[in-house]
Amino acid sequence: MEEIYNVTTEGLRQSPVTPAVLQAFYEHHCVLRALKQYPADNAVG
């Protein structure tokens, strides 16, 4: 993931999830790239 998301391991392991990204997940649709703010958002997306 560090290579894909261009982030350090520490940054990855400390990452929060953006609320709008979580909302998209629970609405059962793809996540707009513009909503993603943190490394963990990519895994959700």
PDB file of all heavy atoms in Angstrom:
ATOM      1  N   MET A   1       0.816  -1.207   0.000  1.00  0.00           N
ATOM      2  CA  MET A   1       0.000   0.000   0.000  1.00  0.00           C
ATOM      3  C   MET A   1       0.850   1.257   0.000  1.00  0.00           C
ATOM      4  O   MET A   1       0.470   2.284  -0.579  1.00  0.00           O
ATOM      5  CB  MET A   1      -0.933  -0.008   1.213  1.00  0.00           C
ATOM      6  CG  MET A   1      -2.052  -1.021   1.131  1.00  0.00           C
ATOM      7  SD  MET A   1      -3.193  -0.863   2.534  1.00  0.00           S
ATOM      8  CE  MET A   1      -4.392  -2.134   2.113  1.00  0.00           C
ATOM      9  N   GLU A   2       2.006   1.192   0.671  1.00  0.00           N
ATOM     10  CA  GLU A   2       2.887   2.353   0.711  1.00  0.00           C
ATOM     11  C   GLU A   2       3.293   2.776  -0.696  1.00  0.00           C
ATOM     12  O   GLU A   2       3.380   3.974  -1.001  1.00  0.00           O
ATOM     13  CB  GLU A   2       4.145   2.045   1.534  1.00  0.00           C
ATOM     14  CG  GLU A   2       3.887   1.876   3.022  1.00  0.00           C
ATOM     15  CD  GLU A   2       3.524   0.447   3.409  1.00  0.00           C
ATOM     16  OE1 GLU A   2       3.153  -0.354   2.523  1.00  0.00           O
ATOM     17  OE2 GLU A   2       3.609   0.122   4.607  1.00  0.00           O
ATOM     18  N   GLU A   3       3.521   1.783  -1.563  1.00  0.00           N
ATOM     19  CA  GLU A   3       3.927   2.069  -2.938  1.00  0.00           C
ATOM     20  C   GLU A   3       2.752   2.589  -3.765  1.00  0.00           C
ATOM     21  O   GLU A   3       2.893   3.553  -4.533  1.00  0.00           O
ATOM     22  CB  GLU A   3       4.493   0.794  -3.580  1.00  0.00           C
ATOM     23  CG  GLU A   3       4.999   0.991  -4.996  1.00  0.00           C
ATOM     24  CD  GLU A   3       5.609  -0.274  -5.568  1.00  0.00           C
ATOM     25  OE1 GLU A   3       6.125  -1.111  -4.789  1.00  0.00           O
ATOM     26  OE2 GLU A   3       5.570  -0.437  -6.801  1.00  0.00           O
ATOM     27  N   ILE A   4       1.607   1.977  -3.606  1.00  0.00           N
ATOM     28  CA  ILE A   4       0.438   2.393  -4.386  1.00  0.00           C
ATOM     29  C   ILE A   4      -0.015   3.789  -3.997  1.00  0.00           C
ATOM     30  O   ILE A   4      -0.299   4.634  -4.855  1.00  0.00           O
ATOM     31  CB  ILE A   4      -0.733   1.412  -4.175  1.00  0.00           C
ATOM     32  CG1 ILE A   4      -0.378   0.019  -4.684  1.00  0.00           C
ATOM     33  CG2 ILE A   4      -1.987   1.908  -4.894  1.00  0.00           C
ATOM     34  CD1 ILE A   4      -1.435  -1.018  -4.400  1.00  0.00           C
ATOM     35  N   TYR A   5      -0.061   4.053  -2.700  1.00  0.00           N
ATOM     36  CA  TYR A   5      -0.619   5.309  -2.217  1.00  0.00           C
ATOM     37  C   TYR A   5       0.440   6.376  -1.983  1.00  0.00           C
ATOM     38  O   TYR A   5       0.112   7.491  -1.568  1.00  0.00           O
ATOM     39  CB  TYR A   5      -1.411   5.072  -0.927  1.00  0.00           C
ATOM     40  CG  TYR A   5      -2.486   4.020  -1.044  1.00  0.00           C
ATOM     41  CD1 TYR A   5      -2.827   3.222   0.046  1.00  0.00           C
ATOM     42  CD2 TYR A   5      -3.177   3.810  -2.232  1.00  0.00           C
ATOM     43  CE1 TYR A   5      -3.817   2.256  -0.046  1.00  0.00           C
ATOM     44  CE2 TYR A   5      -4.160   2.839  -2.331  1.00  0.00           C
ATOM     45  CZ  TYR A   5      -4.473   2.071  -1.238  1.00  0.00           C
ATOM     46  OH  TYR A   5      -5.448   1.103  -1.329  1.00  0.00           O
ATOM     47  N   ASN A   6       1.706   6.028  -2.220  1.00  0.00           N
ATOM     48  CA  ASN A   6       2.812   6.976  -2.066  1.00  0.00           C
ATOM     49  C   ASN A   6       2.818   7.587  -0.662  1.00  0.00           C
ATOM     50  O   ASN A   6       2.782   8.808  -0.480  1.00  0.00           O
ATOM     51  CB  ASN A   6       2.730   8.081  -3.131  1.00  0.00           C
ATOM     52  CG  ASN A   6       4.003   8.907  -3.207  1.00  0.00           C
ATOM     53  OD1 ASN A   6       5.077   8.420  -2.887  1.00  0.00           O
ATOM     54  ND2 ASN A   6       3.881  10.170  -3.620  1.00  0.00           N
ATOM     55  N   VAL A   7       2.866   6.702   0.331  1.00  0.00           N
ATOM     56  CA  VAL A   7       2.788   7.133   1.725  1.00  0.00           C
ATOM     57  C   VAL A   7       3.745   6.280   2.557  1.00  0.00           C
ATOM     58  O   VAL A   7       4.090   5.157   2.175  1.00  0.00           O
ATOM     59  CB  VAL A   7       1.332   6.993   2.237  1.00  0.00           C
ATOM     60  CG1 VAL A   7       0.907   5.524   2.253  1.00  0.00           C
ATOM     61  CG2 VAL A   7       1.149   7.630   3.602  1.00  0.00           C
ATOM     62  N   THR A   8       4.195   6.804   3.680  1.00  0.00           N
ATOM     63  CA  THR A   8       5.026   6.025   4.579  1.00  0.00           C
ATOM     64  C   THR A   8       4.182   5.014   5.332  1.00  0.00           C
ATOM     65  O   THR A   8       2.952   5.162   5.444  1.00  0.00           O
ATOM     66  CB  THR A   8       5.729   6.934   5.600  1.00  0.00           C
ATOM     67  OG1 THR A   8       4.739   7.547   6.436  1.00  0.00           O
ATOM     68  CG2 THR A   8       6.550   8.021   4.899  1.00  0.00           C
ATOM     69  N   THR A   9       4.853   3.997   5.884  1.00  0.00           N
ATOM     70  CA  THR A   9       4.134   3.009   6.687  1.00  0.00           C
ATOM     71  C   THR A   9       3.479   3.669   7.897  1.00  0.00           C
ATOM     72  O   THR A   9       2.338   3.373   8.247  1.00  0.00           O
ATOM     73  CB  THR A   9       5.093   1.897   7.140  1.00  0.00           C
ATOM     74  OG1 THR A   9       5.642   1.263   5.986  1.00  0.00           O
ATOM     75  CG2 THR A   9       4.375   0.865   7.991  1.00  0.00           C
ATOM     76  N   GLU A  10       4.203   4.600   8.517  1.00  0.00           N
ATOM     77  CA  GLU A  10       3.645   5.305   9.672  1.00  0.00           C
ATOM     78  C   GLU A  10       2.403   6.108   9.274  1.00  0.00           C
ATOM     79  O   GLU A  10       1.380   6.088   9.975  1.00  0.00           O
ATOM     80  CB  GLU A  10       4.687   6.238  10.280  1.00  0.00           C
ATOM     81  CG  GLU A  10       4.178   6.977  11.522  1.00  0.00           C
ATOM     82  CD  GLU A  10       5.208   7.912  12.109  1.00  0.00           C
ATOM     83  OE1 GLU A  10       6.301   8.039  11.527  1.00  0.00           O
ATOM     84  OE2 GLU A  10       4.917   8.530  13.159  1.00  0.00           O
ATOM     85  N   GLY A  11       2.489   6.797   8.146  1.00  0.00           N
ATOM     86  CA  GLY A  11       1.348   7.576   7.680  1.00  0.00           C
ATOM     87  C   GLY A  11       0.150   6.696   7.391  1.00  0.00           C
ATOM     88  O   GLY A  11      -0.995   7.081   7.642  1.00  0.00           O
ATOM     89  N   LEU A  12       0.424   5.505   6.866  1.00  0.00           N
ATOM     90  CA  LEU A  12      -0.646   4.559   6.561  1.00  0.00           C
ATOM     91  C   LEU A  12      -1.314   4.059   7.837  1.00  0.00           C
ATOM     92  O   LEU A  12      -2.545   4.028   7.955  1.00  0.00           O
ATOM     93  CB  LEU A  12      -0.070   3.388   5.764  1.00  0.00           C
ATOM     94  CG  LEU A  12      -1.042   2.449   5.071  1.00  0.00           C
ATOM     95  CD1 LEU A  12      -1.741   3.157   3.915  1.00  0.00           C
ATOM     96  CD2 LEU A  12      -0.285   1.224   4.552  1.00  0.00           C
ATOM     97  N   ARG A  13      -0.493   3.687   8.806  1.00  0.00           N
ATOM     98  CA  ARG A  13      -1.026   3.069  10.022  1.00  0.00           C
ATOM     99  C   ARG A  13      -1.712   4.075  10.945  1.00  0.00           C
ATOM    100  O   ARG A  13      -2.512   3.684  11.804  1.00  0.00           O
ATOM    101  CB  ARG A  13       0.083   2.331  10.771  1.00  0.00           C
ATOM    102  CG  ARG A  13       0.691   1.176   9.969  1.00  0.00           C
ATOM    103  CD  ARG A  13       1.585   0.306  10.838  1.00  0.00           C
ATOM    104  NE  ARG A  13       0.789  -0.439  11.803  1.00  0.00           N
ATOM    105  CZ  ARG A  13       0.292  -1.656  11.593  1.00  0.00           C
ATOM    106  NH1 ARG A  13       0.498  -2.273  10.448  1.00  0.00           N
ATOM    107  NH2 ARG A  13      -0.416  -2.260  12.533  1.00  0.00           N
ATOM    108  N   GLN A  14      -1.402   5.355  10.800  1.00  0.00           N
ATOM    109  CA  GLN A  14      -2.040   6.376  11.633  1.00  0.00           C
ATOM    110  C   GLN A  14      -3.227   7.046  10.935  1.00  0.00           C
ATOM    111  O   GLN A  14      -3.928   7.848  11.536  1.00  0.00           O
ATOM    112  CB  GLN A  14      -1.014   7.457  12.011  1.00  0.00           C
ATOM    113  CG  GLN A  14       0.106   6.970  12.903  1.00  0.00           C
ATOM    114  CD  GLN A  14      -0.386   6.494  14.266  1.00  0.00           C
ATOM    115  OE1 GLN A  14      -1.380   6.989  14.791  1.00  0.00           O
ATOM    116  NE2 GLN A  14       0.300   5.506  14.844  1.00  0.00           N
ATOM    117  N   SER A  15      -3.469   6.702   9.682  1.00  0.00           N
ATOM    118  CA  SER A  15      -4.464   7.404   8.875  1.00  0.00           C
ATOM    119  C   SER A  15      -5.881   7.275   9.422  1.00  0.00           C
ATOM    120  O   SER A  15      -6.333   6.180   9.750  1.00  0.00           O
ATOM    121  CB  SER A  15      -4.422   6.863   7.442  1.00  0.00           C
ATOM    122  OG  SER A  15      -5.489   7.384   6.683  1.00  0.00           O
ATOM    123  N   PRO A  16      -6.606   8.377   9.483  1.00  0.00           N
ATOM    124  CA  PRO A  16      -8.047   8.301   9.721  1.00  0.00           C
ATOM    125  C   PRO A  16      -8.777   8.010   8.413  1.00  0.00           C
ATOM    126  O   PRO A  16      -8.151   7.846   7.367  1.00  0.00           O
ATOM    127  CB  PRO A  16      -8.391   9.708  10.233  1.00  0.00           C
ATOM    128  CG  PRO A  16      -7.386  10.596   9.579  1.00  0.00           C
ATOM    129  CD  PRO A  16      -6.119   9.769   9.398  1.00  0.00           C
ATOM    130  N   VAL A  17     -10.092   7.935   8.488  1.00  0.00           N
ATOM    131  CA  VAL A  17     -10.935   7.795   7.299  1.00  0.00           C
ATOM    132  C   VAL A  17     -11.819   9.034   7.199  1.00  0.00           C
ATOM    133  O   VAL A  17     -12.436   9.435   8.189  1.00  0.00           O
ATOM    134  CB  VAL A  17     -11.814   6.528   7.364  1.00  0.00           C
ATOM    135  CG1 VAL A  17     -12.665   6.404   6.105  1.00  0.00           C
ATOM    136  CG2 VAL A  17     -10.951   5.285   7.548  1.00  0.00           C
ATOM    137  N   THR A  18     -11.875   9.625   6.031  1.00  0.00           N
ATOM    138  CA  THR A  18     -12.700  10.807   5.816  1.00  0.00           C
ATOM    139  C   THR A  18     -14.186  10.456   5.945  1.00  0.00           C
ATOM    140  O   THR A  18     -14.640   9.490   5.322  1.00  0.00           O
ATOM    141  CB  THR A  18     -12.426  11.396   4.421  1.00  0.00           C
ATOM    142  OG1 THR A  18     -11.041  11.724   4.316  1.00  0.00           O
ATOM    143  CG2 THR A  18     -13.256  12.642   4.173  1.00  0.00           C
ATOM    144  N   PRO A  19     -14.961  11.195   6.723  1.00  0.00           N
ATOM    145  CA  PRO A  19     -16.388  10.868   6.894  1.00  0.00           C
ATOM    146  C   PRO A  19     -17.154  10.767   5.582  1.00  0.00           C
ATOM    147  O   PRO A  19     -18.014   9.879   5.427  1.00  0.00           O
ATOM    148  CB  PRO A  19     -16.903  12.026   7.755  1.00  0.00           C
ATOM    149  CG  PRO A  19     -15.703  12.447   8.552  1.00  0.00           C
ATOM    150  CD  PRO A  19     -14.537  12.276   7.629  1.00  0.00           C
ATOM    151  N   ALA A  20     -16.865  11.640   4.623  1.00  0.00           N
ATOM    152  CA  ALA A  20     -17.580  11.584   3.338  1.00  0.00           C
ATOM    153  C   ALA A  20     -17.270  10.303   2.580  1.00  0.00           C
ATOM    154  O   ALA A  20     -18.113   9.792   1.831  1.00  0.00           O
ATOM    155  CB  ALA A  20     -17.225  12.803   2.488  1.00  0.00           C
ATOM    156  N   VAL A  21     -16.066   9.768   2.772  1.00  0.00           N
ATOM    157  CA  VAL A  21     -15.689   8.507   2.136  1.00  0.00           C
ATOM    158  C   VAL A  21     -16.454   7.354   2.779  1.00  0.00           C
ATOM    159  O   VAL A  21     -16.972   6.466   2.087  1.00  0.00           O
ATOM    160  CB  VAL A  21     -14.158   8.295   2.234  1.00  0.00           C
ATOM    161  CG1 VAL A  21     -13.768   6.890   1.820  1.00  0.00           C
ATOM    162  CG2 VAL A  21     -13.433   9.337   1.381  1.00  0.00           C
ATOM    163  N   LEU A  22     -16.552   7.375   4.090  1.00  0.00           N
ATOM    164  CA  LEU A  22     -17.364   6.364   4.787  1.00  0.00           C
ATOM    165  C   LEU A  22     -18.819   6.441   4.355  1.00  0.00           C
ATOM    166  O   LEU A  22     -19.479   5.414   4.155  1.00  0.00           O
ATOM    167  CB  LEU A  22     -17.268   6.577   6.300  1.00  0.00           C
ATOM    168  CG  LEU A  22     -16.092   5.945   7.037  1.00  0.00           C
ATOM    169  CD1 LEU A  22     -16.137   6.338   8.503  1.00  0.00           C
ATOM    170  CD2 LEU A  22     -16.088   4.443   6.875  1.00  0.00           C
ATOM    171  N   GLN A  23     -19.320   7.647   4.189  1.00  0.00           N
ATOM    172  CA  GLN A  23     -20.715   7.812   3.768  1.00  0.00           C
ATOM    173  C   GLN A  23     -20.940   7.175   2.400  1.00  0.00           C
ATOM    174  O   GLN A  23     -21.955   6.497   2.188  1.00  0.00           O
ATOM    175  CB  GLN A  23     -21.077   9.294   3.725  1.00  0.00           C
ATOM    176  CG  GLN A  23     -22.523   9.548   3.305  1.00  0.00           C
ATOM    177  CD  GLN A  23     -22.870  11.022   3.284  1.00  0.00           C
ATOM    178  OE1 GLN A  23     -22.183  11.844   3.887  1.00  0.00           O
ATOM    179  NE2 GLN A  23     -23.936  11.361   2.595  1.00  0.00           N
ATOM    180  N   ALA A  24     -20.009   7.395   1.482  1.00  0.00           N
ATOM    181  CA  ALA A  24     -20.138   6.796   0.147  1.00  0.00           C
ATOM    182  C   ALA A  24     -20.158   5.274   0.244  1.00  0.00           C
ATOM    183  O   ALA A  24     -20.924   4.606  -0.465  1.00  0.00           O
ATOM    184  CB  ALA A  24     -18.994   7.264  -0.749  1.00  0.00           C
ATOM    185  N   PHE A  25     -19.311   4.710   1.118  1.00  0.00           N
ATOM    186  CA  PHE A  25     -19.288   3.255   1.295  1.00  0.00           C
ATOM    187  C   PHE A  25     -20.659   2.757   1.736  1.00  0.00           C
ATOM    188  O   PHE A  25     -21.191   1.789   1.175  1.00  0.00           O
ATOM    189  CB  PHE A  25     -18.222   2.882   2.324  1.00  0.00           C
ATOM    190  CG  PHE A  25     -18.105   1.404   2.569  1.00  0.00           C
ATOM    191  CD1 PHE A  25     -17.188   0.644   1.858  1.00  0.00           C
ATOM    192  CD2 PHE A  25     -18.909   0.764   3.508  1.00  0.00           C
ATOM    193  CE1 PHE A  25     -17.080  -0.729   2.078  1.00  0.00           C
ATOM    194  CE2 PHE A  25     -18.811  -0.596   3.734  1.00  0.00           C
ATOM    195  CZ  PHE A  25     -17.892  -1.351   3.012  1.00  0.00           C
ATOM    196  N   TYR A  26     -21.244   3.406   2.728  1.00  0.00           N
ATOM    197  CA  TYR A  26     -22.535   2.938   3.248  1.00  0.00           C
ATOM    198  C   TYR A  26     -23.697   3.265   2.324  1.00  0.00           C
ATOM    199  O   TYR A  26     -24.778   2.672   2.452  1.00  0.00           O
ATOM    200  CB  TYR A  26     -22.761   3.489   4.657  1.00  0.00           C
ATOM    201  CG  TYR A  26     -21.928   2.750   5.680  1.00  0.00           C
ATOM    202  CD1 TYR A  26     -20.771   3.301   6.198  1.00  0.00           C
ATOM    203  CD2 TYR A  26     -22.287   1.472   6.085  1.00  0.00           C
ATOM    204  CE1 TYR A  26     -19.991   2.612   7.114  1.00  0.00           C
ATOM    205  CE2 TYR A  26     -21.525   0.763   6.996  1.00  0.00           C
ATOM    206  CZ  TYR A  26     -20.370   1.335   7.512  1.00  0.00           C
ATOM    207  OH  TYR A  26     -19.591   0.637   8.400  1.00  0.00           O
ATOM    208  N   GLU A  27     -23.464   4.155   1.368  1.00  0.00           N
ATOM    209  CA  GLU A  27     -24.459   4.394   0.317  1.00  0.00           C
ATOM    210  C   GLU A  27     -24.288   3.410  -0.840  1.00  0.00           C
ATOM    211  O   GLU A  27     -25.047   3.446  -1.807  1.00  0.00           O
ATOM    212  CB  GLU A  27     -24.338   5.832  -0.193  1.00  0.00           C
ATOM    213  CG  GLU A  27     -24.815   6.870   0.824  1.00  0.00           C
ATOM    214  CD  GLU A  27     -24.551   8.293   0.383  1.00  0.00           C
ATOM    215  OE1 GLU A  27     -23.885   8.498  -0.665  1.00  0.00           O
ATOM    216  OE2 GLU A  27     -24.999   9.220   1.087  1.00  0.00           O
ATOM    217  N   HIS A  28     -23.270   2.569  -0.731  1.00  0.00           N
ATOM    218  CA  HIS A  28     -23.026   1.485  -1.685  1.00  0.00           C
ATOM    219  C   HIS A  28     -22.731   1.991  -3.102  1.00  0.00           C
ATOM    220  O   HIS A  28     -23.321   1.538  -4.077  1.00  0.00           O
ATOM    221  CB  HIS A  28     -24.204   0.491  -1.717  1.00  0.00           C
ATOM    222  CG  HIS A  28     -24.457  -0.169  -0.415  1.00  0.00           C
ATOM    223  ND1 HIS A  28     -25.627  -0.852  -0.141  1.00  0.00           N
ATOM    224  CD2 HIS A  28     -23.705  -0.252   0.713  1.00  0.00           C
ATOM    225  CE1 HIS A  28     -25.572  -1.334   1.090  1.00  0.00           C
ATOM    226  NE2 HIS A  28     -24.416  -0.979   1.631  1.00  0.00           N
ATOM    227  N   HIS A  29     -21.783   2.917  -3.197  1.00  0.00           N
ATOM    228  CA  HIS A  29     -21.342   3.354  -4.520  1.00  0.00           C
ATOM    229  C   HIS A  29     -19.864   3.739  -4.474  1.00  0.00           C
ATOM    230  O   HIS A  29     -19.271   3.855  -3.393  1.00  0.00           O
ATOM    231  CB  HIS A  29     -22.202   4.508  -5.050  1.00  0.00           C
ATOM    232  CG  HIS A  29     -22.184   5.757  -4.204  1.00  0.00           C
ATOM    233  ND1 HIS A  29     -21.108   6.610  -4.151  1.00  0.00           N
ATOM    234  CD2 HIS A  29     -23.134   6.293  -3.400  1.00  0.00           C
ATOM    235  CE1 HIS A  29     -21.374   7.619  -3.347  1.00  0.00           C
ATOM    236  NE2 HIS A  29     -22.598   7.444  -2.870  1.00  0.00           N
ATOM    237  N   CYS A  30     -19.284   3.917  -5.643  1.00  0.00           N
ATOM    238  CA  CYS A  30     -17.875   4.286  -5.742  1.00  0.00           C
ATOM    239  C   CYS A  30     -17.622   5.628  -5.061  1.00  0.00           C
ATOM    240  O   CYS A  30     -18.514   6.473  -4.954  1.00  0.00           O
ATOM    241  CB  CYS A  30     -17.449   4.367  -7.205  1.00  0.00           C
ATOM    242  SG  CYS A  30     -17.387   2.774  -8.046  1.00  0.00           S
ATOM    243  N   VAL A  31     -16.370   5.807  -4.657  1.00  0.00           N
ATOM    244  CA  VAL A  31     -15.965   7.029  -3.968  1.00  0.00           C
ATOM    245  C   VAL A  31     -15.301   7.976  -4.959  1.00  0.00           C
ATOM    246  O   VAL A  31     -14.344   7.601  -5.644  1.00  0.00           O
ATOM    247  CB  VAL A  31     -14.986   6.706  -2.818  1.00  0.00           C
ATOM    248  CG1 VAL A  31     -14.529   7.990  -2.130  1.00  0.00           C
ATOM    249  CG2 VAL A  31     -15.628   5.747  -1.813  1.00  0.00           C
ATOM    250  N   LEU A  32     -15.787   9.183  -5.026  1.00  0.00           N
ATOM    251  CA  LEU A  32     -15.153  10.186  -5.872  1.00  0.00           C
ATOM    252  C   LEU A  32     -13.735  10.466  -5.388  1.00  0.00           C
ATOM    253  O   LEU A  32     -13.489  10.606  -4.176  1.00  0.00           O
ATOM    254  CB  LEU A  32     -15.957  11.487  -5.852  1.00  0.00           C
ATOM    255  CG  LEU A  32     -17.158  11.589  -6.798  1.00  0.00           C
ATOM    256  CD1 LEU A  32     -17.977  12.820  -6.452  1.00  0.00           C
ATOM    257  CD2 LEU A  32     -16.679  11.652  -8.242  1.00  0.00           C
ATOM    258  N   ARG A  33     -12.814  10.569  -6.325  1.00  0.00           N
ATOM    259  CA  ARG A  33     -11.416  10.820  -5.977  1.00  0.00           C
ATOM    260  C   ARG A  33     -11.278  12.103  -5.154  1.00  0.00           C
ATOM    261  O   ARG A  33     -10.461  12.191  -4.236  1.00  0.00           O
ATOM    262  CB  ARG A  33     -10.580  10.925  -7.256  1.00  0.00           C
ATOM    263  CG  ARG A  33      -9.076  11.035  -7.018  1.00  0.00           C
ATOM    264  CD  ARG A  33      -8.310  11.189  -8.322  1.00  0.00           C
ATOM    265  NE  ARG A  33      -8.437  10.021  -9.159  1.00  0.00           N
ATOM    266  CZ  ARG A  33      -8.952  10.016 -10.382  1.00  0.00           C
ATOM    267  NH1 ARG A  33      -9.398  11.134 -10.912  1.00  0.00           N
ATOM    268  NH2 ARG A  33      -9.012   8.907 -11.093  1.00  0.00           N
ATOM    269  N   ALA A  34     -12.087  13.095  -5.457  1.00  0.00           N
ATOM    270  CA  ALA A  34     -11.972  14.388  -4.780  1.00  0.00           C
ATOM    271  C   ALA A  34     -12.312  14.312  -3.292  1.00  0.00           C
ATOM    272  O   ALA A  34     -11.914  15.197  -2.518  1.00  0.00           O
ATOM    273  CB  ALA A  34     -12.892  15.403  -5.463  1.00  0.00           C
ATOM    274  N   LEU A  35     -13.021  13.271  -2.877  1.00  0.00           N
ATOM    275  CA  LEU A  35     -13.390  13.137  -1.472  1.00  0.00           C
ATOM    276  C   LEU A  35     -12.252  12.594  -0.609  1.00  0.00           C
ATOM    277  O   LEU A  35     -12.263  12.755   0.607  1.00  0.00           O
ATOM    278  CB  LEU A  35     -14.596  12.204  -1.331  1.00  0.00           C
ATOM    279  CG  LEU A  35     -15.920  12.663  -1.947  1.00  0.00           C
ATOM    280  CD1 LEU A  35     -16.978  11.586  -1.769  1.00  0.00           C
ATOM    281  CD2 LEU A  35     -16.385  13.974  -1.324  1.00  0.00           C
ATOM    282  N   LYS A  36     -11.296  11.957  -1.238  1.00  0.00           N
ATOM    283  CA  LYS A  36     -10.248  11.257  -0.485  1.00  0.00           C
ATOM    284  C   LYS A  36      -9.207  12.243   0.050  1.00  0.00           C
ATOM    285  O   LYS A  36      -8.585  12.979  -0.710  1.00  0.00           O
ATOM    286  CB  LYS A  36      -9.584  10.204  -1.368  1.00  0.00           C
ATOM    287  CG  LYS A  36     -10.532   9.129  -1.855  1.00  0.00           C
ATOM    288  CD  LYS A  36      -9.842   8.183  -2.836  1.00  0.00           C
ATOM    289  CE  LYS A  36     -10.801   7.170  -3.424  1.00  0.00           C
ATOM    290  NZ  LYS A  36     -10.158   6.311  -4.435  1.00  0.00           N
ATOM    291  N   GLN A  37      -9.020  12.208   1.369  1.00  0.00           N
ATOM    292  CA  GLN A  37      -8.063  13.101   2.020  1.00  0.00           C
ATOM    293  C   GLN A  37      -6.915  12.352   2.684  1.00  0.00           C
ATOM    294  O   GLN A  37      -5.842  12.930   2.897  1.00  0.00           O
ATOM    295  CB  GLN A  37      -8.778  13.938   3.079  1.00  0.00           C
ATOM    296  CG  GLN A  37      -9.884  14.835   2.554  1.00  0.00           C
ATOM    297  CD  GLN A  37     -10.539  15.630   3.672  1.00  0.00           C
ATOM    298  OE1 GLN A  37      -9.881  16.073   4.614  1.00  0.00           O
ATOM    299  NE2 GLN A  37     -11.853  15.804   3.580  1.00  0.00           N
ATOM    300  N   TYR A  38      -7.124  11.081   3.041  1.00  0.00           N
ATOM    301  CA  TYR A  38      -6.144  10.335   3.823  1.00  0.00           C
ATOM    302  C   TYR A  38      -5.819   9.007   3.144  1.00  0.00           C
ATOM    303  O   TYR A  38      -6.620   8.497   2.349  1.00  0.00           O
ATOM    304  CB  TYR A  38      -6.687  10.072   5.232  1.00  0.00           C
ATOM    305  CG  TYR A  38      -7.076  11.311   5.989  1.00  0.00           C
ATOM    306  CD1 TYR A  38      -8.420  11.610   6.214  1.00  0.00           C
ATOM    307  CD2 TYR A  38      -6.107  12.190   6.467  1.00  0.00           C
ATOM    308  CE1 TYR A  38      -8.783  12.751   6.907  1.00  0.00           C
ATOM    309  CE2 TYR A  38      -6.463  13.341   7.159  1.00  0.00           C
ATOM    310  CZ  TYR A  38      -7.802  13.619   7.379  1.00  0.00           C
ATOM    311  OH  TYR A  38      -8.163  14.755   8.058  1.00  0.00           O
ATOM    312  N   PRO A  39      -4.657   8.409   3.457  1.00  0.00           N
ATOM    313  CA  PRO A  39      -4.279   7.140   2.828  1.00  0.00           C
ATOM    314  C   PRO A  39      -5.326   6.043   2.977  1.00  0.00           C
ATOM    315  O   PRO A  39      -5.588   5.290   2.032  1.00  0.00           O
ATOM    316  CB  PRO A  39      -2.977   6.779   3.543  1.00  0.00           C
ATOM    317  CG  PRO A  39      -2.389   8.094   3.942  1.00  0.00           C
ATOM    318  CD  PRO A  39      -3.573   8.955   4.304  1.00  0.00           C
ATOM    319  N   ALA A  40      -5.942   5.933   4.150  1.00  0.00           N
ATOM    320  CA  ALA A  40      -6.931   4.872   4.375  1.00  0.00           C
ATOM    321  C   ALA A  40      -8.148   5.021   3.464  1.00  0.00           C
ATOM    322  O   ALA A  40      -8.828   4.036   3.154  1.00  0.00           O
ATOM    323  CB  ALA A  40      -7.378   4.864   5.838  1.00  0.00           C
ATOM    324  N   ASP A  41      -8.405   6.232   3.009  1.00  0.00           N
ATOM    325  CA  ASP A  41      -9.540   6.457   2.108  1.00  0.00           C
ATOM    326  C   ASP A  41      -9.406   5.653   0.824  1.00  0.00           C
ATOM    327  O   ASP A  41     -10.416   5.268   0.214  1.00  0.00           O
ATOM    328  CB  ASP A  41      -9.659   7.944   1.748  1.00  0.00           C
ATOM    329  CG  ASP A  41     -10.018   8.817   2.932  1.00  0.00           C
ATOM    330  OD1 ASP A  41     -10.544   8.286   3.927  1.00  0.00           O
ATOM    331  OD2 ASP A  41      -9.767  10.041   2.848  1.00  0.00           O
ATOM    332  N   ASN A  42      -8.178   5.407   0.401  1.00  0.00           N
ATOM    333  CA  ASN A  42      -7.961   4.651  -0.826  1.00  0.00           C
ATOM    334  C   ASN A  42      -8.415   3.206  -0.678  1.00  0.00           C
ATOM    335  O   ASN A  42      -9.006   2.627  -1.600  1.00  0.00           O
ATOM    336  CB  ASN A  42      -6.478   4.697  -1.211  1.00  0.00           C
ATOM    337  CG  ASN A  42      -6.037   6.093  -1.619  1.00  0.00           C
ATOM    338  OD1 ASN A  42      -6.437   6.616  -2.645  1.00  0.00           O
ATOM    339  ND2 ASN A  42      -5.207   6.709  -0.795  1.00  0.00           N
ATOM    340  N   ALA A  43      -8.144   2.616   0.470  1.00  0.00           N
ATOM    341  CA  ALA A  43      -8.592   1.241   0.710  1.00  0.00           C
ATOM    342  C   ALA A  43     -10.118   1.172   0.739  1.00  0.00           C
ATOM    343  O   ALA A  43     -10.724   0.231   0.212  1.00  0.00           O
ATOM    344  CB  ALA A  43      -8.005   0.716   2.017  1.00  0.00           C
ATOM    345  N   VAL A  44     -10.742   2.173   1.340  1.00  0.00           N
ATOM    346  CA  VAL A  44     -12.207   2.226   1.353  1.00  0.00           C
ATOM    347  C   VAL A  44     -12.733   2.381  -0.072  1.00  0.00           C
ATOM    348  O   VAL A  44     -13.665   1.695  -0.496  1.00  0.00           O
ATOM    349  CB  VAL A  44     -12.710   3.390   2.229  1.00  0.00           C
ATOM    350  CG1 VAL A  44     -14.244   3.427   2.226  1.00  0.00           C
ATOM    351  CG2 VAL A  44     -12.192   3.271   3.649  1.00  0.00           C
ATOM    352  N   GLY A  45     -12.113   3.295  -0.823  1.00  0.00           N
ATOM    353  CA  GLY A  45     -12.562   3.551  -2.189  1.00  0.00           C
ATOM    354  C   GLY A  45     -12.454   2.341  -3.080  1.00  0.00           C
ATOM    355  O   GLY A  45     -13.368   2.040  -3.861  1.00  0.00           O
TER     356      GLY A  45
END
